[in-house]
Each structure stands twice: as C-alpha cells, then as structure tokens.
Amino acid sequence: MTERQDTKFIKSSRRLTAGRRIAALAVFVGLAGGGAVLWLASRGVIDMHFWLGVCGFRQRFGLPCPGCGWTRATQAFLNGHPVQAFLLQPAAAIFCAAAAVTAVFALLMAVFGIEFGSLRRILGVVGLKWLLLAAAVVVLSGWGVTLIRAMVHNNGM
C-alpha cells in the first residue's frame, strides 16, 4: 500500500475504545443469538408457537398484522433461501439482509477495533432519521404486500 492509500485509510477509519468494541461485540452476539434461536426453531428444536402464540391482530380484525410472516421469512433466510424469504415477506428479507451486514460490521469492529468512517456518516443524526424513515417505508410496504395477498386469497382469486 502506498503512503497516500495508507493515510486515506487512516482518515476514513479510527480505532475504537474498549467500551465501543464491547458494544459492537454485544450487537454481534445479539444478532447471532437471535438468528440461532430462529434457526433452531426452523429445525424443530424450539417451539416458536409456544413463545409467540397466535396473532391477536389477525384474530381481532381478520387481516394479517405488519409482523405476519416475519418468522417464517427469517427462518427461510437463515436456512439459505433469501428469495423464498423475500417472497414470503419482503420486509423481513430486507431486514434480514441488513441484520447480516450489521452483524459482519459489528464483528469486524469488535475484533479489529476499527470504526468505519462510512458507517459513522450513515449513523449520524441525519442518517439515522433517514434510516428510520426507510425502515418504516419497508415495513409498511411489506405489510401492504401481505394485505393484498390475504385479500386475494380470501376472495378466492
């Protein structure tokens, strides 16, 4: 690496404190642990129906809630079927992909202690607002797809 490339890398990243490395490790462990629980549930080791129960929104209104299909889609994603996950619940597949990317970056940050400059900009105050807005749009769009499917299925089309 040339000196110019080396200084460019140093400017775009900086070393993390021990506390921030532990926080990054906690993010990784949380995402990996949640994924492990859902993966075990897809294998029949854990009974998710016991823990999650029946959707109260669907029972009350007869329509799927914004979270309907997320568990099945996440399990499909974790079993290596991202296209099937997207077809089951588009929002869940997008969030699974984002969680996978987040877990990789969190692990890199925890192990190597480097904070990536691009992540700092994305997660800044303005970036966080736009990320939350994008997340809301994705969830509502996924729910819209689920509602349309339910209405088509109920009408027998």
N, C-alpha and C. Protein backbone atom coordinates (compact mmCIF):
# COMPACT_ATOMS: atom_id res chain seq x y z
N MET A 1 0.85 -1.17 0.00
CA MET A 1 0.00 0.00 0.00
C MET A 1 0.90 1.24 0.00
N THR A 2 0.57 2.16 -0.85
CA THR A 2 1.36 3.39 -0.90
C THR A 2 1.04 4.27 0.30
N GLU A 3 1.89 5.28 0.50
CA GLU A 3 1.68 6.17 1.64
C GLU A 3 0.36 6.92 1.52
N ARG A 4 0.00 7.30 0.30
CA ARG A 4 -1.25 8.04 0.10
C ARG A 4 -2.45 7.16 0.42
N GLN A 5 -2.42 5.90 -0.02
CA GLN A 5 -3.51 5.00 0.29
C GLN A 5 -3.60 4.75 1.78
N ASP A 6 -2.46 4.62 2.42
CA ASP A 6 -2.42 4.37 3.85
C ASP A 6 -3.04 5.53 4.63
N THR A 7 -2.72 6.77 4.28
CA THR A 7 -3.28 7.91 5.00
C THR A 7 -4.76 8.07 4.70
N LYS A 8 -5.18 7.70 3.49
CA LYS A 8 -6.61 7.77 3.16
C LYS A 8 -7.39 6.79 4.05
N PHE A 9 -6.83 5.59 4.26
CA PHE A 9 -7.49 4.61 5.11
C PHE A 9 -7.56 5.11 6.55
N ILE A 10 -6.47 5.71 7.02
CA ILE A 10 -6.44 6.19 8.41
C ILE A 10 -7.46 7.31 8.61
N LYS A 11 -7.62 8.18 7.62
CA LYS A 11 -8.59 9.27 7.74
C LYS A 11 -10.02 8.76 7.75
N SER A 12 -10.31 7.65 7.00
CA SER A 12 -11.68 7.17 6.91
C SER A 12 -12.05 6.24 8.05
N SER A 13 -11.08 5.82 8.86
CA SER A 13 -11.37 4.95 9.99
C SER A 13 -10.53 5.38 11.18
N ARG A 14 -10.97 4.98 12.37
CA ARG A 14 -10.20 5.28 13.57
C ARG A 14 -10.36 4.13 14.55
N ARG A 15 -9.49 4.07 15.51
CA ARG A 15 -9.51 2.99 16.50
C ARG A 15 -10.65 3.20 17.49
N LEU A 16 -11.27 2.11 17.88
CA LEU A 16 -12.37 2.16 18.85
C LEU A 16 -11.84 2.00 20.27
N THR A 17 -12.56 2.59 21.20
CA THR A 17 -12.23 2.39 22.61
C THR A 17 -12.70 0.99 23.01
N ALA A 18 -12.23 0.54 24.15
CA ALA A 18 -12.61 -0.80 24.63
C ALA A 18 -14.13 -0.89 24.83
N GLY A 19 -14.73 0.17 25.34
CA GLY A 19 -16.18 0.16 25.56
C GLY A 19 -16.97 0.04 24.26
N ARG A 20 -16.52 0.72 23.23
CA ARG A 20 -17.22 0.64 21.94
C ARG A 20 -17.00 -0.71 21.27
N ARG A 21 -15.83 -1.30 21.49
CA ARG A 21 -15.59 -2.65 20.96
C ARG A 21 -16.51 -3.66 21.65
N ILE A 22 -16.70 -3.49 22.94
CA ILE A 22 -17.60 -4.38 23.68
C ILE A 22 -19.04 -4.19 23.20
N ALA A 23 -19.43 -2.94 22.94
CA ALA A 23 -20.77 -2.67 22.41
C ALA A 23 -20.95 -3.31 21.04
N ALA A 24 -19.93 -3.22 20.19
CA ALA A 24 -20.01 -3.86 18.87
C ALA A 24 -20.12 -5.37 19.02
N LEU A 25 -19.38 -5.94 19.96
CA LEU A 25 -19.46 -7.37 20.21
C LEU A 25 -20.86 -7.75 20.72
N ALA A 26 -21.44 -6.90 21.57
CA ALA A 26 -22.79 -7.16 22.07
C ALA A 26 -23.81 -7.14 20.94
N VAL A 27 -23.65 -6.21 19.99
CA VAL A 27 -24.54 -6.17 18.83
C VAL A 27 -24.40 -7.46 18.03
N PHE A 28 -23.17 -7.88 17.79
CA PHE A 28 -22.95 -9.12 17.04
C PHE A 28 -23.57 -10.32 17.76
N VAL A 29 -23.30 -10.43 19.06
CA VAL A 29 -23.81 -11.57 19.83
C VAL A 29 -25.34 -11.56 19.85
N GLY A 30 -25.95 -10.38 19.99
CA GLY A 30 -27.41 -10.28 19.98
C GLY A 30 -28.00 -10.73 18.66
N LEU A 31 -27.43 -10.25 17.55
CA LEU A 31 -27.94 -10.64 16.24
C LEU A 31 -27.69 -12.12 15.97
N ALA A 32 -26.50 -12.60 16.30
CA ALA A 32 -26.20 -14.01 16.09
C ALA A 32 -27.06 -14.90 16.99
N GLY A 33 -27.28 -14.47 18.22
CA GLY A 33 -28.13 -15.25 19.13
C GLY A 33 -29.57 -15.31 18.66
N GLY A 34 -30.10 -14.18 18.23
CA GLY A 34 -31.46 -14.18 17.68
C GLY A 34 -31.58 -15.05 16.45
N GLY A 35 -30.58 -14.98 15.59
CA GLY A 35 -30.56 -15.83 14.41
C GLY A 35 -30.48 -17.30 14.77
N ALA A 36 -29.67 -17.62 15.80
CA ALA A 36 -29.53 -19.01 16.23
C ALA A 36 -30.85 -19.54 16.78
N VAL A 37 -31.56 -18.73 17.55
CA VAL A 37 -32.86 -19.16 18.09
C VAL A 37 -33.84 -19.46 16.95
N LEU A 38 -33.91 -18.56 15.97
CA LEU A 38 -34.84 -18.78 14.85
C LEU A 38 -34.40 -19.95 13.98
N TRP A 39 -33.10 -20.14 13.82
CA TRP A 39 -32.61 -21.28 13.05
C TRP A 39 -32.95 -22.58 13.77
N LEU A 40 -32.77 -22.63 15.09
CA LEU A 40 -33.14 -23.81 15.86
C LEU A 40 -34.64 -24.07 15.79
N ALA A 41 -35.43 -23.00 15.78
CA ALA A 41 -36.88 -23.16 15.65
C ALA A 41 -37.24 -23.75 14.29
N SER A 42 -36.53 -23.37 13.25
CA SER A 42 -36.81 -23.93 11.93
C SER A 42 -36.45 -25.40 11.85
N ARG A 43 -35.57 -25.85 12.73
CA ARG A 43 -35.18 -27.25 12.80
C ARG A 43 -36.07 -28.05 13.75
N GLY A 44 -37.01 -27.39 14.41
CA GLY A 44 -37.92 -28.06 15.32
C GLY A 44 -37.40 -28.23 16.73
N VAL A 45 -36.26 -27.64 17.05
CA VAL A 45 -35.68 -27.76 18.38
C VAL A 45 -36.42 -26.87 19.38
N ILE A 46 -36.85 -25.69 18.92
CA ILE A 46 -37.58 -24.73 19.76
C ILE A 46 -38.97 -24.55 19.17
N ASP A 47 -39.98 -24.54 20.03
CA ASP A 47 -41.36 -24.35 19.59
C ASP A 47 -41.70 -22.86 19.66
N MET A 48 -41.63 -22.19 18.51
CA MET A 48 -41.91 -20.75 18.48
C MET A 48 -43.38 -20.44 18.73
N HIS A 49 -44.26 -21.37 18.38
CA HIS A 49 -45.69 -21.14 18.61
C HIS A 49 -45.97 -20.99 20.10
N PHE A 50 -45.23 -21.74 20.92
CA PHE A 50 -45.38 -21.64 22.37
C PHE A 50 -45.00 -20.24 22.85
N TRP A 51 -43.92 -19.66 22.29
CA TRP A 51 -43.43 -18.37 22.73
C TRP A 51 -44.18 -17.20 22.12
N LEU A 52 -44.55 -17.32 20.84
CA LEU A 52 -45.19 -16.20 20.15
C LEU A 52 -46.71 -16.26 20.17
N GLY A 53 -47.25 -17.47 20.26
CA GLY A 53 -48.70 -17.61 20.27
C GLY A 53 -49.33 -17.29 18.93
N VAL A 54 -50.62 -16.99 18.97
CA VAL A 54 -51.38 -16.68 17.77
C VAL A 54 -51.45 -15.16 17.62
N CYS A 55 -51.46 -14.69 16.39
CA CYS A 55 -51.51 -13.25 16.12
C CYS A 55 -52.86 -12.68 16.56
N GLY A 56 -52.81 -11.82 17.58
CA GLY A 56 -54.04 -11.20 18.08
C GLY A 56 -54.66 -10.24 17.09
N PHE A 57 -53.86 -9.56 16.30
CA PHE A 57 -54.36 -8.64 15.28
C PHE A 57 -55.19 -9.41 14.26
N ARG A 58 -54.68 -10.55 13.82
CA ARG A 58 -55.39 -11.37 12.84
C ARG A 58 -56.69 -11.92 13.44
N GLN A 59 -56.64 -12.34 14.70
CA GLN A 59 -57.84 -12.85 15.36
C GLN A 59 -58.90 -11.77 15.48
N ARG A 60 -58.49 -10.57 15.80
CA ARG A 60 -59.45 -9.49 16.03
C ARG A 60 -60.01 -8.90 14.74
N PHE A 61 -59.13 -8.66 13.75
CA PHE A 61 -59.56 -7.97 12.54
C PHE A 61 -59.66 -8.86 11.30
N GLY A 62 -59.17 -10.07 11.39
CA GLY A 62 -59.22 -10.98 10.25
C GLY A 62 -58.22 -10.64 9.15
N LEU A 63 -57.28 -9.77 9.44
CA LEU A 63 -56.25 -9.38 8.49
C LEU A 63 -54.88 -9.62 9.10
N PRO A 64 -53.87 -9.88 8.27
CA PRO A 64 -52.52 -10.06 8.82
C PRO A 64 -51.96 -8.75 9.37
N CYS A 65 -51.18 -8.87 10.43
CA CYS A 65 -50.54 -7.69 11.03
C CYS A 65 -49.24 -7.38 10.28
N PRO A 66 -48.61 -6.25 10.58
CA PRO A 66 -47.34 -5.93 9.90
C PRO A 66 -46.24 -6.97 10.14
N GLY A 67 -46.35 -7.75 11.20
CA GLY A 67 -45.33 -8.75 11.51
C GLY A 67 -45.66 -10.14 11.02
N CYS A 68 -46.83 -10.34 10.45
CA CYS A 68 -47.20 -11.68 9.97
C CYS A 68 -46.26 -12.12 8.85
N GLY A 69 -45.73 -13.30 9.01
CA GLY A 69 -44.83 -13.86 8.02
C GLY A 69 -43.35 -13.61 8.29
N TRP A 70 -43.04 -12.75 9.27
CA TRP A 70 -41.65 -12.41 9.54
C TRP A 70 -40.87 -13.61 10.06
N THR A 71 -41.46 -14.41 10.94
CA THR A 71 -40.75 -15.56 11.49
C THR A 71 -40.44 -16.57 10.40
N ARG A 72 -41.43 -16.91 9.59
CA ARG A 72 -41.20 -17.87 8.50
C ARG A 72 -40.18 -17.33 7.49
N ALA A 73 -40.28 -16.05 7.17
CA ALA A 73 -39.34 -15.46 6.20
C ALA A 73 -37.92 -15.44 6.77
N THR A 74 -37.79 -15.11 8.05
CA THR A 74 -36.47 -15.08 8.68
C THR A 74 -35.88 -16.49 8.73
N GLN A 75 -36.70 -17.47 9.03
CA GLN A 75 -36.22 -18.85 9.05
C GLN A 75 -35.78 -19.29 7.66
N ALA A 76 -36.52 -18.91 6.64
CA ALA A 76 -36.13 -19.24 5.26
C ALA A 76 -34.80 -18.57 4.93
N PHE A 77 -34.63 -17.31 5.31
CA PHE A 77 -33.39 -16.58 5.06
C PHE A 77 -32.22 -17.28 5.76
N LEU A 78 -32.41 -17.66 7.01
CA LEU A 78 -31.34 -18.30 7.78
C LEU A 78 -31.00 -19.69 7.28
N ASN A 79 -31.93 -20.32 6.59
CA ASN A 79 -31.68 -21.64 6.01
C ASN A 79 -31.13 -21.55 4.59
N GLY A 80 -30.77 -20.33 4.17
CA GLY A 80 -30.13 -20.17 2.87
C GLY A 80 -31.07 -19.98 1.71
N HIS A 81 -32.29 -19.51 1.97
CA HIS A 81 -33.27 -19.30 0.91
C HIS A 81 -33.74 -17.84 0.91
N PRO A 82 -32.87 -16.90 0.53
CA PRO A 82 -33.25 -15.48 0.59
C PRO A 82 -34.38 -15.12 -0.38
N VAL A 83 -34.45 -15.77 -1.53
CA VAL A 83 -35.52 -15.47 -2.48
C VAL A 83 -36.86 -15.92 -1.92
N GLN A 84 -36.89 -17.11 -1.34
CA GLN A 84 -38.12 -17.58 -0.71
C GLN A 84 -38.52 -16.67 0.45
N ALA A 85 -37.54 -16.20 1.22
CA ALA A 85 -37.82 -15.26 2.31
C ALA A 85 -38.45 -13.99 1.76
N PHE A 86 -37.91 -13.48 0.66
CA PHE A 86 -38.45 -12.26 0.06
C PHE A 86 -39.87 -12.49 -0.44
N LEU A 87 -40.15 -13.67 -0.99
CA LEU A 87 -41.50 -13.96 -1.48
C LEU A 87 -42.49 -14.13 -0.33
N LEU A 88 -42.02 -14.66 0.81
CA LEU A 88 -42.90 -14.82 1.98
C LEU A 88 -43.25 -13.47 2.60
N GLN A 89 -42.23 -12.64 2.84
CA GLN A 89 -42.43 -11.33 3.47
C GLN A 89 -41.26 -10.44 3.04
N PRO A 90 -41.48 -9.57 2.05
CA PRO A 90 -40.38 -8.75 1.53
C PRO A 90 -39.66 -7.92 2.59
N ALA A 91 -40.39 -7.34 3.51
CA ALA A 91 -39.76 -6.50 4.53
C ALA A 91 -38.84 -7.33 5.43
N ALA A 92 -39.25 -8.53 5.77
CA ALA A 92 -38.43 -9.38 6.63
C ALA A 92 -37.13 -9.76 5.93
N ALA A 93 -37.19 -10.05 4.64
CA ALA A 93 -35.98 -10.41 3.91
C ALA A 93 -35.01 -9.23 3.85
N ILE A 94 -35.54 -8.04 3.64
CA ILE A 94 -34.68 -6.84 3.61
C ILE A 94 -34.04 -6.61 4.97
N PHE A 95 -34.81 -6.76 6.03
CA PHE A 95 -34.26 -6.57 7.36
C PHE A 95 -33.26 -7.67 7.71
N CYS A 96 -33.49 -8.89 7.24
CA CYS A 96 -32.52 -9.97 7.47
C CYS A 96 -31.19 -9.66 6.79
N ALA A 97 -31.26 -9.16 5.56
CA ALA A 97 -30.04 -8.79 4.85
C ALA A 97 -29.32 -7.65 5.58
N ALA A 98 -30.08 -6.67 6.05
CA ALA A 98 -29.48 -5.56 6.79
C ALA A 98 -28.88 -6.06 8.11
N ALA A 99 -29.55 -6.99 8.77
CA ALA A 99 -29.03 -7.54 10.02
C ALA A 99 -27.75 -8.33 9.77
N ALA A 100 -27.68 -9.05 8.67
CA ALA A 100 -26.47 -9.81 8.34
C ALA A 100 -25.29 -8.87 8.10
N VAL A 101 -25.54 -7.80 7.35
CA VAL A 101 -24.48 -6.81 7.10
C VAL A 101 -24.05 -6.15 8.41
N THR A 102 -25.03 -5.80 9.24
CA THR A 102 -24.73 -5.19 10.54
C THR A 102 -23.90 -6.13 11.41
N ALA A 103 -24.26 -7.41 11.41
CA ALA A 103 -23.51 -8.38 12.22
C ALA A 103 -22.06 -8.49 11.74
N VAL A 104 -21.85 -8.50 10.43
CA VAL A 104 -20.49 -8.60 9.90
C VAL A 104 -19.67 -7.37 10.31
N PHE A 105 -20.24 -6.18 10.13
CA PHE A 105 -19.52 -4.97 10.51
C PHE A 105 -19.28 -4.92 12.02
N ALA A 106 -20.25 -5.34 12.82
CA ALA A 106 -20.08 -5.34 14.27
C ALA A 106 -18.96 -6.29 14.68
N LEU A 107 -18.90 -7.46 14.04
CA LEU A 107 -17.84 -8.40 14.36
C LEU A 107 -16.48 -7.83 13.97
N LEU A 108 -16.38 -7.22 12.79
CA LEU A 108 -15.12 -6.61 12.37
C LEU A 108 -14.70 -5.49 13.32
N MET A 109 -15.68 -4.70 13.75
CA MET A 109 -15.36 -3.62 14.68
C MET A 109 -14.90 -4.16 16.03
N ALA A 110 -15.54 -5.23 16.50
CA ALA A 110 -15.17 -5.80 17.80
C ALA A 110 -13.80 -6.47 17.75
N VAL A 111 -13.54 -7.20 16.69
CA VAL A 111 -12.29 -7.95 16.61
C VAL A 111 -11.10 -7.05 16.30
N PHE A 112 -11.25 -6.19 15.29
CA PHE A 112 -10.12 -5.37 14.84
C PHE A 112 -10.09 -3.97 15.46
N GLY A 113 -11.18 -3.54 16.08
CA GLY A 113 -11.20 -2.26 16.76
C GLY A 113 -11.20 -1.05 15.84
N ILE A 114 -11.70 -1.23 14.63
CA ILE A 114 -11.72 -0.13 13.66
C ILE A 114 -13.14 0.35 13.47
N GLU A 115 -13.32 1.66 13.59
CA GLU A 115 -14.63 2.26 13.29
C GLU A 115 -14.57 2.74 11.84
N PHE A 116 -15.51 2.30 11.05
CA PHE A 116 -15.54 2.66 9.64
C PHE A 116 -16.18 4.03 9.46
N GLY A 117 -15.50 4.91 8.74
CA GLY A 117 -15.97 6.27 8.54
C GLY A 117 -17.31 6.34 7.84
N SER A 118 -17.54 5.44 6.88
CA SER A 118 -18.82 5.44 6.15
C SER A 118 -19.97 5.09 7.09
N LEU A 119 -19.74 4.17 8.02
CA LEU A 119 -20.79 3.84 8.99
C LEU A 119 -21.08 5.01 9.91
N ARG A 120 -20.03 5.74 10.27
CA ARG A 120 -20.21 6.91 11.12
C ARG A 120 -21.13 7.92 10.45
N ARG A 121 -20.91 8.14 9.15
CA ARG A 121 -21.75 9.11 8.42
C ARG A 121 -23.18 8.60 8.28
N ILE A 122 -23.34 7.30 7.99
CA ILE A 122 -24.68 6.74 7.82
C ILE A 122 -25.46 6.82 9.11
N LEU A 123 -24.81 6.53 10.22
CA LEU A 123 -25.49 6.50 11.52
C LEU A 123 -25.49 7.85 12.23
N GLY A 124 -25.08 8.89 11.55
CA GLY A 124 -25.13 10.23 12.12
C GLY A 124 -26.58 10.64 12.38
N VAL A 125 -26.77 11.75 12.98
CA VAL A 125 -28.11 12.21 13.35
C VAL A 125 -29.02 12.29 12.13
N VAL A 126 -28.55 12.88 11.05
CA VAL A 126 -29.37 12.99 9.84
C VAL A 126 -29.56 11.62 9.21
N GLY A 127 -28.50 10.82 9.17
CA GLY A 127 -28.57 9.49 8.58
C GLY A 127 -29.52 8.58 9.33
N LEU A 128 -29.51 8.66 10.65
CA LEU A 128 -30.38 7.82 11.46
C LEU A 128 -31.85 8.14 11.20
N LYS A 129 -32.16 9.41 11.04
CA LYS A 129 -33.53 9.81 10.74
C LYS A 129 -33.99 9.19 9.42
N TRP A 130 -33.13 9.24 8.41
CA TRP A 130 -33.49 8.68 7.12
C TRP A 130 -33.54 7.16 7.15
N LEU A 131 -32.68 6.54 7.95
CA LEU A 131 -32.73 5.09 8.09
C LEU A 131 -34.04 4.64 8.74
N LEU A 132 -34.48 5.36 9.76
CA LEU A 132 -35.75 5.03 10.41
C LEU A 132 -36.93 5.24 9.47
N LEU A 133 -36.89 6.30 8.68
CA LEU A 133 -37.94 6.54 7.69
C LEU A 133 -37.96 5.43 6.65
N ALA A 134 -36.78 5.04 6.17
CA ALA A 134 -36.70 3.95 5.19
C ALA A 134 -37.21 2.65 5.79
N ALA A 135 -36.88 2.39 7.06
CA ALA A 135 -37.37 1.18 7.73
C ALA A 135 -38.89 1.18 7.82
N ALA A 136 -39.47 2.32 8.15
CA ALA A 136 -40.93 2.42 8.22
C ALA A 136 -41.56 2.18 6.85
N VAL A 137 -40.97 2.73 5.81
CA VAL A 137 -41.49 2.52 4.45
C VAL A 137 -41.40 1.05 4.06
N VAL A 138 -40.29 0.40 4.39
CA VAL A 138 -40.12 -1.02 4.07
C VAL A 138 -41.15 -1.86 4.81
N VAL A 139 -41.36 -1.59 6.10
CA VAL A 139 -42.33 -2.36 6.89
C VAL A 139 -43.75 -2.15 6.34
N LEU A 140 -44.11 -0.91 6.06
CA LEU A 140 -45.45 -0.64 5.53
C LEU A 140 -45.64 -1.24 4.14
N SER A 141 -44.60 -1.22 3.33
CA SER A 141 -44.69 -1.83 2.00
C SER A 141 -44.84 -3.34 2.11
N GLY A 142 -44.07 -3.95 3.00
CA GLY A 142 -44.20 -5.40 3.23
C GLY A 142 -45.58 -5.76 3.74
N TRP A 143 -46.12 -4.93 4.63
CA TRP A 143 -47.45 -5.17 5.14
C TRP A 143 -48.47 -5.03 4.03
N GLY A 144 -48.28 -4.04 3.15
CA GLY A 144 -49.18 -3.86 2.00
C GLY A 144 -49.20 -5.10 1.12
N VAL A 145 -48.04 -5.66 0.85
CA VAL A 145 -47.97 -6.89 0.04
C VAL A 145 -48.70 -8.02 0.75
N THR A 146 -48.50 -8.14 2.05
CA THR A 146 -49.16 -9.20 2.83
C THR A 146 -50.67 -9.01 2.83
N LEU A 147 -51.14 -7.77 2.97
CA LEU A 147 -52.58 -7.49 2.95
C LEU A 147 -53.19 -7.83 1.59
N ILE A 148 -52.51 -7.45 0.52
CA ILE A 148 -53.02 -7.75 -0.83
C ILE A 148 -53.10 -9.25 -1.03
N ARG A 149 -52.08 -9.97 -0.62
CA ARG A 149 -52.11 -11.44 -0.74
C ARG A 149 -53.28 -12.03 0.05
N ALA A 150 -53.50 -11.53 1.26
CA ALA A 150 -54.58 -12.06 2.10
C ALA A 150 -55.94 -11.77 1.46
N MET A 151 -56.11 -10.56 0.91
CA MET A 151 -57.39 -10.24 0.28
C MET A 151 -57.63 -11.08 -0.97
N VAL A 152 -56.59 -11.30 -1.76
CA VAL A 152 -56.73 -12.13 -2.96
C VAL A 152 -57.05 -13.56 -2.55
N HIS A 153 -56.37 -14.05 -1.52
CA HIS A 153 -56.61 -15.41 -1.05
C HIS A 153 -58.02 -15.58 -0.48
N ASN A 154 -58.50 -14.57 0.28
CA ASN A 154 -59.84 -14.64 0.86
C ASN A 154 -60.94 -14.54 -0.17
N ASN A 155 -60.69 -13.82 -1.27
CA ASN A 155 -61.69 -13.68 -2.32
C ASN A 155 -61.66 -14.83 -3.31
N GLY A 156 -60.69 -15.74 -3.14
CA GLY A 156 -60.62 -16.91 -4.00
C GLY A 156 -60.16 -16.63 -5.41
N MET A 157 -59.42 -15.55 -5.62
CA MET A 157 -58.97 -15.21 -6.96
C MET A 157 -57.76 -16.01 -7.34
